[in-house]
């Protein structure tokens, strides 16, 4: 009995812990399975990676081709206001909640503060400056004035773009459709009834 080594409680736990550590280090970390539909050998993004510096960008602004450079992190709103002097689109909430920066991208309203500039590569962008023709206000812009659909003006450009998209999409419309179209445009002056009236007057050919 005296030849049997005595194992203390401390040495037992120390040995078990060391064995577990060695086994864990020796185990091969499993490779995560690729997402469904993705080739694991393919790069995560197609095309040329952008950054960290400015990269070429081409798109159409109010019918005019634009060729310039922008950093990958630049938003469309920043590009419009700071590089293209298209200041009609307003920076208000800067999180896509108020609608003041709404522009049309290929005819669809989008918050330019939440759209990266490089996302409009090769596409057409229309801002409030693009509604007028030959320095003449558009029918919708005139209707906003005639129906007193603007007061402080912060929401007006975005509101106009959302309403113009509706008119382009549907032509004639009703009050419920206008209310739905401007649901994402906040007007703290409360001109919503006048906005609806202005849009309906254009839809009916009254402006």
Protein backbone atom coordinates (compact mmCIF):
# COMPACT_ATOMS: atom_id res chain seq x y z
CA UNK A 1 0.00 0.00 0.00
CA UNK A 2 2.91 2.31 0.61
CA UNK A 3 3.93 2.15 -3.12
CA UNK A 4 0.66 3.72 -4.26
CA UNK A 5 1.20 7.46 -4.91
CA UNK A 6 -1.00 9.70 -2.86
CA UNK A 7 -3.07 12.17 -4.87
CA UNK A 8 -4.18 15.26 -3.10
CA UNK A 9 -7.35 17.09 -3.96
CA UNK A 10 -5.35 20.10 -5.16
CA UNK A 11 -3.16 18.01 -7.52
CA UNK A 12 -6.24 16.22 -8.90
CA UNK A 13 -7.99 19.44 -9.92
CA UNK A 14 -4.74 20.89 -11.28
CA UNK A 15 -4.22 17.84 -13.49
CA UNK A 16 -7.80 17.87 -14.79
CA UNK A 17 -7.58 21.59 -15.62
CA UNK A 18 -4.29 21.17 -17.49
CA UNK A 19 -5.66 18.28 -19.53
CA UNK A 20 -8.76 20.30 -20.49
CA UNK A 21 -6.62 23.28 -21.56
CA UNK A 22 -4.38 21.10 -23.74
CA UNK A 23 -7.37 19.42 -25.34
CA UNK A 24 -8.99 22.76 -26.05
CA UNK A 25 -5.88 24.15 -27.70
CA UNK A 26 -5.45 21.03 -29.81
CA UNK A 27 -9.04 21.06 -31.04
CA UNK A 28 -9.47 22.56 -34.48
CA UNK A 29 -11.76 25.54 -34.60
CA UNK A 30 -14.64 24.72 -36.97
CA UNK A 31 -14.93 26.87 -40.10
CA UNK A 32 -18.22 28.79 -40.19
CA UNK A 33 -20.56 27.63 -42.94
CA UNK A 34 -21.05 30.21 -45.73
CA UNK A 35 -24.37 31.99 -45.98
CA UNK A 36 -26.90 30.30 -48.25
CA UNK A 37 -26.35 31.11 -51.90
CA UNK A 38 -22.83 32.46 -51.46
CA UNK A 39 -19.71 30.93 -52.98
CA UNK A 40 -17.22 30.56 -50.09
CA UNK A 41 -14.36 31.17 -52.53
CA UNK A 42 -15.84 34.43 -53.82
CA UNK A 43 -14.98 37.83 -52.29
CA UNK A 44 -17.65 39.25 -49.97
CA UNK A 45 -18.45 42.12 -52.33
CA UNK A 46 -18.55 42.12 -56.10
CA UNK A 47 -16.66 44.76 -58.06
CA UNK A 48 -13.84 47.02 -56.96
CA UNK A 49 -13.54 47.80 -53.26
CA UNK A 50 -13.82 51.48 -52.36
CA UNK A 51 -11.73 53.41 -49.91
CA UNK A 52 -10.28 54.57 -47.80
CA UNK A 53 -9.81 57.65 -49.98
CA UNK A 54 -12.13 59.28 -52.54
CA UNK A 55 -13.26 57.16 -55.48
CA UNK A 56 -14.71 58.14 -58.88
CA UNK A 57 -18.48 58.55 -59.06
CA UNK A 58 -20.72 59.12 -62.07
CA UNK A 59 -24.44 59.79 -62.03
CA UNK A 60 -27.03 62.20 -63.43
CA UNK A 61 -28.26 65.13 -61.36
CA UNK A 62 -31.40 66.88 -62.61
CA UNK A 63 -30.66 65.65 -66.12
CA UNK A 64 -26.99 66.74 -66.17
CA UNK A 65 -24.17 64.14 -66.09
CA UNK A 66 -21.88 64.42 -63.07
CA UNK A 67 -18.34 63.04 -62.79
CA UNK A 68 -16.54 63.60 -59.51
CA UNK A 69 -14.86 61.86 -56.59
CA UNK A 70 -16.31 61.08 -53.18
CA UNK A 71 -15.18 59.14 -50.13
CA UNK A 72 -17.07 55.88 -49.58
CA UNK A 73 -18.57 57.26 -46.36
CA UNK A 74 -20.02 60.37 -48.02
CA UNK A 75 -23.80 60.51 -48.00
CA UNK A 76 -25.75 61.68 -51.01
CA UNK A 77 -26.95 64.68 -49.03
CA UNK A 78 -23.40 65.72 -48.18
CA UNK A 79 -22.39 65.33 -51.81
CA UNK A 80 -25.32 67.41 -53.04
CA UNK A 81 -24.87 70.24 -50.56
CA UNK A 82 -21.09 70.45 -50.21
CA UNK A 83 -19.75 69.37 -53.60
CA UNK A 84 -22.54 70.18 -56.05
CA UNK A 85 -24.08 73.25 -54.39
CA UNK A 86 -27.55 71.70 -54.59
CA UNK A 87 -28.67 73.05 -51.22
CA UNK A 88 -32.42 72.67 -51.69
CA UNK A 89 -32.32 69.32 -49.89
CA UNK A 90 -32.16 70.12 -46.18
CA UNK A 91 -30.20 68.48 -43.38
CA UNK A 92 -32.56 68.32 -40.40
CA UNK A 93 -32.74 65.04 -38.45
CA UNK A 94 -29.82 63.30 -40.24
CA UNK A 95 -31.36 59.88 -39.57
CA UNK A 96 -34.02 59.45 -42.25
CA UNK A 97 -36.94 60.29 -39.98
CA UNK A 98 -38.14 63.74 -41.06
CA UNK A 99 -38.14 63.62 -44.88
CA UNK A 100 -36.62 67.08 -45.34
CA UNK A 101 -33.76 65.67 -47.43
CA UNK A 102 -35.96 63.57 -49.74
CA UNK A 103 -34.79 63.32 -53.35
CA UNK A 104 -35.82 61.11 -56.23
CA UNK A 105 -33.46 58.33 -57.26
CA UNK A 106 -34.59 56.88 -60.57
CA UNK A 107 -37.98 58.38 -59.79
CA UNK A 108 -38.38 56.87 -56.32
CA UNK A 109 -38.26 59.07 -53.18
CA UNK A 110 -35.32 58.37 -50.89
CA UNK A 111 -33.85 60.13 -47.83
CA UNK A 112 -30.52 61.43 -49.10
CA UNK A 113 -29.08 61.60 -45.57
CA UNK A 114 -29.36 57.80 -45.36
CA UNK A 115 -28.17 57.08 -48.91
CA UNK A 116 -24.47 56.73 -49.63
CA UNK A 117 -23.29 58.79 -52.57
CA UNK A 118 -21.79 55.74 -54.29
CA UNK A 119 -25.18 54.00 -54.13
CA UNK A 120 -26.39 56.30 -56.95
CA UNK A 121 -23.56 55.29 -59.31
CA UNK A 122 -24.99 55.28 -62.85
CA UNK A 123 -28.44 56.37 -61.67
CA UNK A 124 -30.56 59.50 -62.04
CA UNK A 125 -31.08 61.86 -59.09
CA UNK A 126 -33.66 64.63 -59.03
CA UNK A 127 -33.66 67.32 -56.34
CA UNK A 128 -36.06 70.19 -55.77
CA UNK A 129 -33.84 72.31 -58.04
CA UNK A 130 -34.76 69.96 -60.89
CA UNK A 131 -38.50 70.61 -60.69
CA UNK A 132 -38.35 74.05 -62.31
CA UNK A 133 -37.81 74.38 -66.06
CA UNK A 134 -36.15 77.41 -67.68
CA UNK A 135 -36.39 79.30 -64.40
CA UNK A 136 -40.14 78.68 -64.30
CA UNK A 137 -41.64 76.97 -61.28
CA UNK A 138 -43.26 73.62 -61.87
CA UNK A 139 -47.07 73.24 -61.53
CA UNK A 140 -46.57 71.58 -58.15
CA UNK A 141 -44.31 74.37 -56.87
CA UNK A 142 -46.83 76.99 -57.98
CA UNK A 143 -49.64 75.05 -56.32
CA UNK A 144 -47.72 74.96 -53.03
CA UNK A 145 -47.54 78.76 -53.14
CA UNK A 146 -51.15 79.25 -54.17
CA UNK A 147 -52.48 76.93 -51.47
CA UNK A 148 -50.10 78.21 -48.77
CA UNK A 149 -48.62 74.73 -48.36
CA UNK A 150 -45.34 76.01 -46.92
CA UNK A 151 -44.46 78.21 -43.97
CA UNK A 152 -41.00 77.93 -42.39
CA UNK A 153 -39.72 76.02 -45.42
CA UNK A 154 -37.61 73.35 -43.76
CA UNK A 155 -39.85 70.51 -44.90
CA UNK A 156 -40.90 72.03 -48.21
CA UNK A 157 -38.26 70.63 -50.55
CA UNK A 158 -38.64 67.09 -49.27
CA UNK A 159 -42.43 67.39 -49.24
CA UNK A 160 -42.38 68.58 -52.86
CA UNK A 161 -40.26 65.61 -53.92
CA UNK A 162 -42.53 63.07 -52.23
CA UNK A 163 -45.59 64.68 -53.82
CA UNK A 164 -43.94 64.90 -57.24
CA UNK A 165 -43.10 61.20 -57.07
CA UNK A 166 -46.75 60.48 -56.37
CA UNK A 167 -47.90 62.58 -59.31
CA UNK A 168 -45.34 60.94 -61.62
CA UNK A 169 -46.42 57.51 -60.47
CA UNK A 170 -50.17 57.89 -60.54
CA UNK A 171 -51.18 61.10 -62.28
CA UNK A 172 -54.67 61.70 -60.85
CA UNK A 173 -54.99 60.75 -57.20
CA UNK A 174 -57.07 61.28 -54.07
CA UNK A 175 -56.53 62.73 -50.61
CA UNK A 176 -55.79 59.35 -49.02
CA UNK A 177 -53.02 58.68 -51.54
CA UNK A 178 -51.44 62.10 -50.88
CA UNK A 179 -51.56 61.53 -47.13
CA UNK A 180 -49.88 58.16 -47.59
CA UNK A 181 -47.20 59.66 -49.86
CA UNK A 182 -46.22 62.33 -47.31
CA UNK A 183 -46.44 60.07 -44.26
CA UNK A 184 -42.64 60.20 -43.95
CA UNK A 185 -42.43 64.00 -44.23
CA UNK A 186 -42.72 65.91 -40.97
CA UNK A 187 -44.16 69.44 -41.03
CA UNK A 188 -44.10 71.11 -37.65
CA UNK A 189 -46.04 74.06 -39.07
CA UNK A 190 -48.98 71.73 -39.72
CA UNK A 191 -49.59 72.51 -43.40
CA UNK A 192 -50.71 68.98 -44.27
CA UNK A 193 -54.27 69.94 -45.37
CA UNK A 194 -52.85 72.62 -47.65
CA UNK A 195 -50.30 70.18 -49.09
CA UNK A 196 -53.10 67.74 -49.90
CA UNK A 197 -55.11 70.51 -51.54
CA UNK A 198 -52.11 71.63 -53.60
CA UNK A 199 -51.37 68.16 -54.91
CA UNK A 200 -55.00 67.47 -55.75
CA UNK A 201 -55.23 70.72 -57.67
CA UNK A 202 -52.29 69.65 -59.84
CA UNK A 203 -53.70 66.16 -60.28
CA UNK A 204 -56.98 67.67 -61.47
CA UNK A 205 -55.19 70.11 -63.78
CA UNK A 206 -55.93 73.16 -61.66
CA UNK A 207 -52.35 74.39 -61.41
